[in-house]
Amino acid sequence: MNFSSMKVGSRIGLGFGIVIVLILLLAGIGIVQINKANSMLSQINDINAKQQRYAINFRGSVHDRATIYTFPPF
């Protein structure tokens, strides 16, 4: 069937159908990309949180030791 021989209503329906398919395709791609970004950010956040916790603990123990050795009891 030739596109020019189709009725106007059929052409409009075909056009809307194509637009809807493209919208669904873009929405699907967007959801996949958002999920990838979410998993990458979660992994980065978990790693950084662990390193930050180690740094805070290290700073605290250095401070405790410095306080003990700097100020002896009288």
PDB file of N, CA and C in Angstrom:
ATOM      1  N   MET A   1       0.853  -1.174   0.000  1.00  0.00           N
ATOM      2  CA  MET A   1       0.000   0.000   0.000  1.00  0.00           C
ATOM      3  C   MET A   1       0.897   1.235   0.000  1.00  0.00           C
ATOM      4  N   ASN A   2       0.595   2.172  -0.851  1.00  0.00           N
ATOM      5  CA  ASN A   2       1.344   3.405  -0.999  1.00  0.00           C
ATOM      6  C   ASN A   2       0.872   4.419   0.042  1.00  0.00           C
ATOM      7  N   PHE A   3       1.828   5.194   0.588  1.00  0.00           N
ATOM      8  CA  PHE A   3       1.482   6.168   1.619  1.00  0.00           C
ATOM      9  C   PHE A   3       0.556   7.242   1.073  1.00  0.00           C
ATOM     10  N   SER A   4       0.783   7.654  -0.160  1.00  0.00           N
ATOM     11  CA  SER A   4      -0.056   8.719  -0.728  1.00  0.00           C
ATOM     12  C   SER A   4      -1.472   8.237  -1.040  1.00  0.00           C
ATOM     13  N   SER A   5      -1.658   6.938  -1.169  1.00  0.00           N
ATOM     14  CA  SER A   5      -3.001   6.425  -1.448  1.00  0.00           C
ATOM     15  C   SER A   5      -3.805   6.159  -0.178  1.00  0.00           C
ATOM     16  N   MET A   6      -3.187   6.339   0.988  1.00  0.00           N
ATOM     17  CA  MET A   6      -3.899   6.122   2.250  1.00  0.00           C
ATOM     18  C   MET A   6      -4.828   7.304   2.524  1.00  0.00           C
ATOM     19  N   LYS A   7      -5.884   7.022   3.281  1.00  0.00           N
ATOM     20  CA  LYS A   7      -6.795   8.089   3.668  1.00  0.00           C
ATOM     21  C   LYS A   7      -6.127   8.959   4.724  1.00  0.00           C
ATOM     22  N   VAL A   8      -6.655  10.156   4.915  1.00  0.00           N
ATOM     23  CA  VAL A   8      -6.075  11.108   5.858  1.00  0.00           C
ATOM     24  C   VAL A   8      -6.108  10.548   7.279  1.00  0.00           C
ATOM     25  N   GLY A   9      -7.204   9.948   7.665  1.00  0.00           N
ATOM     26  CA  GLY A   9      -7.324   9.376   9.004  1.00  0.00           C
ATOM     27  C   GLY A   9      -6.299   8.268   9.238  1.00  0.00           C
ATOM     28  N   SER A  10      -6.050   7.471   8.234  1.00  0.00           N
ATOM     29  CA  SER A  10      -5.058   6.402   8.363  1.00  0.00           C
ATOM     30  C   SER A  10      -3.655   6.973   8.497  1.00  0.00           C
ATOM     31  N   ARG A  11      -3.355   8.018   7.742  1.00  0.00           N
ATOM     32  CA  ARG A  11      -2.032   8.662   7.839  1.00  0.00           C
ATOM     33  C   ARG A  11      -1.824   9.270   9.225  1.00  0.00           C
ATOM     34  N   ILE A  12      -2.848   9.953   9.724  1.00  0.00           N
ATOM     35  CA  ILE A  12      -2.749  10.560  11.054  1.00  0.00           C
ATOM     36  C   ILE A  12      -2.575   9.472  12.115  1.00  0.00           C
ATOM     37  N   GLY A  13      -3.350   8.404  12.002  1.00  0.00           N
ATOM     38  CA  GLY A  13      -3.226   7.297  12.957  1.00  0.00           C
ATOM     39  C   GLY A  13      -1.843   6.660  12.901  1.00  0.00           C
ATOM     40  N   LEU A  14      -1.321   6.473  11.710  1.00  0.00           N
ATOM     41  CA  LEU A  14       0.018   5.914  11.553  1.00  0.00           C
ATOM     42  C   LEU A  14       1.069   6.853  12.153  1.00  0.00           C
ATOM     43  N   GLY A  15       0.906   8.148  11.935  1.00  0.00           N
ATOM     44  CA  GLY A  15       1.835   9.133  12.497  1.00  0.00           C
ATOM     45  C   GLY A  15       1.812   9.122  14.014  1.00  0.00           C
ATOM     46  N   PHE A  16       0.626   9.113  14.606  1.00  0.00           N
ATOM     47  CA  PHE A  16       0.517   9.052  16.065  1.00  0.00           C
ATOM     48  C   PHE A  16       1.088   7.744  16.606  1.00  0.00           C
ATOM     49  N   GLY A  17       0.864   6.661  15.897  1.00  0.00           N
ATOM     50  CA  GLY A  17       1.422   5.373  16.321  1.00  0.00           C
ATOM     51  C   GLY A  17       2.940   5.401  16.344  1.00  0.00           C
ATOM     52  N   ILE A  18       3.532   5.992  15.308  1.00  0.00           N
ATOM     53  CA  ILE A  18       4.992   6.099  15.252  1.00  0.00           C
ATOM     54  C   ILE A  18       5.505   6.980  16.384  1.00  0.00           C
ATOM     55  N   VAL A  19       4.821   8.081  16.658  1.00  0.00           N
ATOM     56  CA  VAL A  19       5.236   8.977  17.746  1.00  0.00           C
ATOM     57  C   VAL A  19       5.155   8.257  19.086  1.00  0.00           C
ATOM     58  N   ILE A  20       4.100   7.505  19.306  1.00  0.00           N
ATOM     59  CA  ILE A  20       3.951   6.775  20.571  1.00  0.00           C
ATOM     60  C   ILE A  20       5.050   5.725  20.718  1.00  0.00           C
ATOM     61  N   VAL A  21       5.362   5.015  19.641  1.00  0.00           N
ATOM     62  CA  VAL A  21       6.440   4.024  19.699  1.00  0.00           C
ATOM     63  C   VAL A  21       7.768   4.694  20.018  1.00  0.00           C
ATOM     64  N   LEU A  22       8.043   5.849  19.414  1.00  0.00           N
ATOM     65  CA  LEU A  22       9.285   6.571  19.694  1.00  0.00           C
ATOM     66  C   LEU A  22       9.338   7.058  21.140  1.00  0.00           C
ATOM     67  N   ILE A  23       8.223   7.534  21.658  1.00  0.00           N
ATOM     68  CA  ILE A  23       8.171   7.983  23.051  1.00  0.00           C
ATOM     69  C   ILE A  23       8.452   6.811  23.992  1.00  0.00           C
ATOM     70  N   LEU A  24       7.837   5.665  23.734  1.00  0.00           N
ATOM     71  CA  LEU A  24       8.074   4.489  24.576  1.00  0.00           C
ATOM     72  C   LEU A  24       9.521   4.022  24.483  1.00  0.00           C
ATOM     73  N   LEU A  25      10.097   4.085  23.303  1.00  0.00           N
ATOM     74  CA  LEU A  25      11.490   3.702  23.117  1.00  0.00           C
ATOM     75  C   LEU A  25      12.415   4.630  23.899  1.00  0.00           C
ATOM     76  N   LEU A  26      12.183   5.929  23.796  1.00  0.00           N
ATOM     77  CA  LEU A  26      13.000   6.889  24.540  1.00  0.00           C
ATOM     78  C   LEU A  26      12.818   6.740  26.050  1.00  0.00           C
ATOM     79  N   ALA A  27      11.606   6.480  26.488  1.00  0.00           N
ATOM     80  CA  ALA A  27      11.362   6.279  27.917  1.00  0.00           C
ATOM     81  C   ALA A  27      12.100   5.037  28.410  1.00  0.00           C
ATOM     82  N   GLY A  28      12.083   3.976  27.641  1.00  0.00           N
ATOM     83  CA  GLY A  28      12.801   2.755  28.013  1.00  0.00           C
ATOM     84  C   GLY A  28      14.300   2.984  28.101  1.00  0.00           C
ATOM     85  N   ILE A  29      14.856   3.681  27.110  1.00  0.00           N
ATOM     86  CA  ILE A  29      16.284   3.993  27.134  1.00  0.00           C
ATOM     87  C   ILE A  29      16.611   4.866  28.341  1.00  0.00           C
ATOM     88  N   GLY A  30      15.767   5.837  28.634  1.00  0.00           N
ATOM     89  CA  GLY A  30      15.988   6.706  29.780  1.00  0.00           C
ATOM     90  C   GLY A  30      15.972   5.942  31.093  1.00  0.00           C
ATOM     91  N   ILE A  31      15.045   5.019  31.239  1.00  0.00           N
ATOM     92  CA  ILE A  31      14.961   4.224  32.472  1.00  0.00           C
ATOM     93  C   ILE A  31      16.210   3.370  32.639  1.00  0.00           C
ATOM     94  N   VAL A  32      16.677   2.766  31.559  1.00  0.00           N
ATOM     95  CA  VAL A  32      17.894   1.942  31.631  1.00  0.00           C
ATOM     96  C   VAL A  32      19.090   2.801  32.028  1.00  0.00           C
ATOM     97  N   GLN A  33      19.223   3.973  31.433  1.00  0.00           N
ATOM     98  CA  GLN A  33      20.358   4.842  31.743  1.00  0.00           C
ATOM     99  C   GLN A  33      20.290   5.356  33.177  1.00  0.00           C
ATOM    100  N   ILE A  34      19.107   5.681  33.656  1.00  0.00           N
ATOM    101  CA  ILE A  34      18.956   6.133  35.046  1.00  0.00           C
ATOM    102  C   ILE A  34      19.344   5.019  36.009  1.00  0.00           C
ATOM    103  N   ASN A  35      18.947   3.787  35.711  1.00  0.00           N
ATOM    104  CA  ASN A  35      19.311   2.666  36.574  1.00  0.00           C
ATOM    105  C   ASN A  35      20.815   2.439  36.588  1.00  0.00           C
ATOM    106  N   LYS A  36      21.472   2.591  35.432  1.00  0.00           N
ATOM    107  CA  LYS A  36      22.931   2.466  35.386  1.00  0.00           C
ATOM    108  C   LYS A  36      23.585   3.544  36.234  1.00  0.00           C
ATOM    109  N   ALA A  37      23.133   4.777  36.082  1.00  0.00           N
ATOM    110  CA  ALA A  37      23.700   5.886  36.853  1.00  0.00           C
ATOM    111  C   ALA A  37      23.461   5.677  38.343  1.00  0.00           C
ATOM    112  N   ASN A  38      22.298   5.188  38.710  1.00  0.00           N
ATOM    113  CA  ASN A  38      21.973   4.946  40.115  1.00  0.00           C
ATOM    114  C   ASN A  38      22.897   3.892  40.709  1.00  0.00           C
ATOM    115  N   SER A  39      23.134   2.811  39.985  1.00  0.00           N
ATOM    116  CA  SER A  39      24.011   1.767  40.518  1.00  0.00           C
ATOM    117  C   SER A  39      25.450   2.251  40.618  1.00  0.00           C
ATOM    118  N   MET A  40      25.897   3.049  39.645  1.00  0.00           N
ATOM    119  CA  MET A  40      27.257   3.586  39.706  1.00  0.00           C
ATOM    120  C   MET A  40      27.402   4.552  40.879  1.00  0.00           C
ATOM    121  N   LEU A  41      26.424   5.412  41.080  1.00  0.00           N
ATOM    122  CA  LEU A  41      26.490   6.359  42.199  1.00  0.00           C
ATOM    123  C   LEU A  41      26.393   5.654  43.546  1.00  0.00           C
ATOM    124  N   SER A  42      25.609   4.611  43.623  1.00  0.00           N
ATOM    125  CA  SER A  42      25.516   3.844  44.869  1.00  0.00           C
ATOM    126  C   SER A  42      26.854   3.202  45.196  1.00  0.00           C
ATOM    127  N   GLN A  43      27.506   2.648  44.185  1.00  0.00           N
ATOM    128  CA  GLN A  43      28.806   2.031  44.401  1.00  0.00           C
ATOM    129  C   GLN A  43      29.844   3.072  44.821  1.00  0.00           C
ATOM    130  N   ILE A  44      29.851   4.211  44.154  1.00  0.00           N
ATOM    131  CA  ILE A  44      30.784   5.280  44.508  1.00  0.00           C
ATOM    132  C   ILE A  44      30.508   5.765  45.929  1.00  0.00           C
ATOM    133  N   ASN A  45      29.255   5.935  46.253  1.00  0.00           N
ATOM    134  CA  ASN A  45      28.890   6.405  47.586  1.00  0.00           C
ATOM    135  C   ASN A  45      29.308   5.409  48.662  1.00  0.00           C
ATOM    136  N   ASP A  46      29.114   4.129  48.413  1.00  0.00           N
ATOM    137  CA  ASP A  46      29.496   3.118  49.394  1.00  0.00           C
ATOM    138  C   ASP A  46      31.001   3.112  49.623  1.00  0.00           C
ATOM    139  N   ILE A  47      31.772   3.197  48.545  1.00  0.00           N
ATOM    140  CA  ILE A  47      33.237   3.212  48.654  1.00  0.00           C
ATOM    141  C   ILE A  47      33.697   4.467  49.373  1.00  0.00           C
ATOM    142  N   ASN A  48      33.168   5.620  48.984  1.00  0.00           N
ATOM    143  CA  ASN A  48      33.581   6.874  49.607  1.00  0.00           C
ATOM    144  C   ASN A  48      33.174   6.937  51.068  1.00  0.00           C
ATOM    145  N   ALA A  49      32.016   6.413  51.398  1.00  0.00           N
ATOM    146  CA  ALA A  49      31.569   6.420  52.794  1.00  0.00           C
ATOM    147  C   ALA A  49      32.501   5.566  53.647  1.00  0.00           C
ATOM    148  N   LYS A  50      32.937   4.433  53.125  1.00  0.00           N
ATOM    149  CA  LYS A  50      33.839   3.570  53.869  1.00  0.00           C
ATOM    150  C   LYS A  50      35.187   4.266  54.075  1.00  0.00           C
ATOM    151  N   GLN A  51      35.720   4.891  53.030  1.00  0.00           N
ATOM    152  CA  GLN A  51      37.002   5.596  53.153  1.00  0.00           C
ATOM    153  C   GLN A  51      36.876   6.783  54.108  1.00  0.00           C
ATOM    154  N   GLN A  52      35.764   7.482  54.052  1.00  0.00           N
ATOM    155  CA  GLN A  52      35.558   8.607  54.954  1.00  0.00           C
ATOM    156  C   GLN A  52      35.480   8.120  56.404  1.00  0.00           C
ATOM    157  N   ARG A  53      34.820   7.013  56.636  1.00  0.00           N
ATOM    158  CA  ARG A  53      34.725   6.459  57.983  1.00  0.00           C
ATOM    159  C   ARG A  53      36.112   6.062  58.493  1.00  0.00           C
ATOM    160  N   TYR A  54      36.939   5.466  57.638  1.00  0.00           N
ATOM    161  CA  TYR A  54      38.303   5.122  58.027  1.00  0.00           C
ATOM    162  C   TYR A  54      39.104   6.378  58.360  1.00  0.00           C
ATOM    163  N   ALA A  55      38.965   7.422  57.562  1.00  0.00           N
ATOM    164  CA  ALA A  55      39.705   8.662  57.803  1.00  0.00           C
ATOM    165  C   ALA A  55      39.278   9.304  59.120  1.00  0.00           C
ATOM    166  N   ILE A  56      37.999   9.300  59.403  1.00  0.00           N
ATOM    167  CA  ILE A  56      37.510   9.883  60.662  1.00  0.00           C
ATOM    168  C   ILE A  56      38.023   9.083  61.854  1.00  0.00           C
ATOM    169  N   ASN A  57      37.991   7.761  61.752  1.00  0.00           N
ATOM    170  CA  ASN A  57      38.504   6.923  62.835  1.00  0.00           C
ATOM    171  C   ASN A  57      40.005   7.138  63.033  1.00  0.00           C
ATOM    172  N   PHE A  58      40.731   7.241  61.921  1.00  0.00           N
ATOM    173  CA  PHE A  58      42.172   7.471  61.998  1.00  0.00           C
ATOM    174  C   PHE A  58      42.465   8.818  62.649  1.00  0.00           C
ATOM    175  N   ARG A  59      41.743   9.844  62.241  1.00  0.00           N
ATOM    176  CA  ARG A  59      41.933  11.167  62.827  1.00  0.00           C
ATOM    177  C   ARG A  59      41.641  11.151  64.330  1.00  0.00           C
ATOM    178  N   GLY A  60      40.593  10.454  64.716  1.00  0.00           N
ATOM    179  CA  GLY A  60      40.252  10.364  66.131  1.00  0.00           C
ATOM    180  C   GLY A  60      41.322   9.654  66.942  1.00  0.00           C
ATOM    181  N   SER A  61      41.862   8.556  66.416  1.00  0.00           N
ATOM    182  CA  SER A  61      42.894   7.841  67.164  1.00  0.00           C
ATOM    183  C   SER A  61      44.195   8.636  67.210  1.00  0.00           C
ATOM    184  N   VAL A  62      44.523   9.368  66.151  1.00  0.00           N
ATOM    185  CA  VAL A  62      45.706  10.232  66.174  1.00  0.00           C
ATOM    186  C   VAL A  62      45.514  11.331  67.207  1.00  0.00           C
ATOM    187  N   HIS A  63      44.334  11.904  67.259  1.00  0.00           N
ATOM    188  CA  HIS A  63      44.057  12.953  68.239  1.00  0.00           C
ATOM    189  C   HIS A  63      44.164  12.408  69.665  1.00  0.00           C
ATOM    190  N   ASP A  64      43.617  11.221  69.895  1.00  0.00           N
ATOM    191  CA  ASP A  64      43.674  10.621  71.229  1.00  0.00           C
ATOM    192  C   ASP A  64      45.117  10.367  71.647  1.00  0.00           C
ATOM    193  N   ARG A  65      45.914   9.830  70.735  1.00  0.00           N
ATOM    194  CA  ARG A  65      47.311   9.545  71.067  1.00  0.00           C
ATOM    195  C   ARG A  65      48.104  10.825  71.273  1.00  0.00           C
ATOM    196  N   ALA A  66      47.835  11.835  70.468  1.00  0.00           N
ATOM    197  CA  ALA A  66      48.538  13.110  70.628  1.00  0.00           C
ATOM    198  C   ALA A  66      48.184  13.747  71.963  1.00  0.00           C
ATOM    199  N   THR A  67      46.947  13.624  72.379  1.00  0.00           N
ATOM    200  CA  THR A  67      46.522  14.192  73.652  1.00  0.00           C
ATOM    201  C   THR A  67      47.175  13.452  74.814  1.00  0.00           C
ATOM    202  N   ILE A  68      47.287  12.159  74.703  1.00  0.00           N
ATOM    203  CA  ILE A  68      47.887  11.357  75.770  1.00  0.00           C
ATOM    204  C   ILE A  68      49.371  11.690  75.910  1.00  0.00           C
ATOM    205  N   TYR A  69      50.082  11.764  74.810  1.00  0.00           N
ATOM    206  CA  TYR A  69      51.534  11.965  74.867  1.00  0.00           C
ATOM    207  C   TYR A  69      51.935  13.428  75.048  1.00  0.00           C
ATOM    208  N   THR A  70      51.066  14.362  74.725  1.00  0.00           N
ATOM    209  CA  THR A  70      51.407  15.769  74.829  1.00  0.00           C
ATOM    210  C   THR A  70      51.179  16.301  76.241  1.00  0.00           C
ATOM    211  N   PHE A  71      50.138  15.858  76.876  1.00  0.00           N
ATOM    212  CA  PHE A  71      49.774  16.374  78.185  1.00  0.00           C
ATOM    213  C   PHE A  71      49.848  15.265  79.228  1.00  0.00           C
ATOM    214  N   PRO A  72      51.032  15.043  79.809  1.00  0.00           N
ATOM    215  CA  PRO A  72      51.109  13.977  80.826  1.00  0.00           C
ATOM    216  C   PRO A  72      50.395  14.401  82.105  1.00  0.00           C
ATOM    217  N   PRO A  73      49.843  13.457  82.816  1.00  0.00           N
ATOM    218  CA  PRO A  73      49.160  13.801  84.080  1.00  0.00           C
ATOM    219  C   PRO A  73      50.172  14.245  85.136  1.00  0.00           C
ATOM    220  N   PHE A  74      49.765  15.137  86.001  1.00  0.00           N
ATOM    221  CA  PHE A  74      50.634  15.645  87.078  1.00  0.00           C
ATOM    222  C   PHE A  74      50.305  14.979  88.378  1.00  0.00           C
TER     223      PHE A  74
END
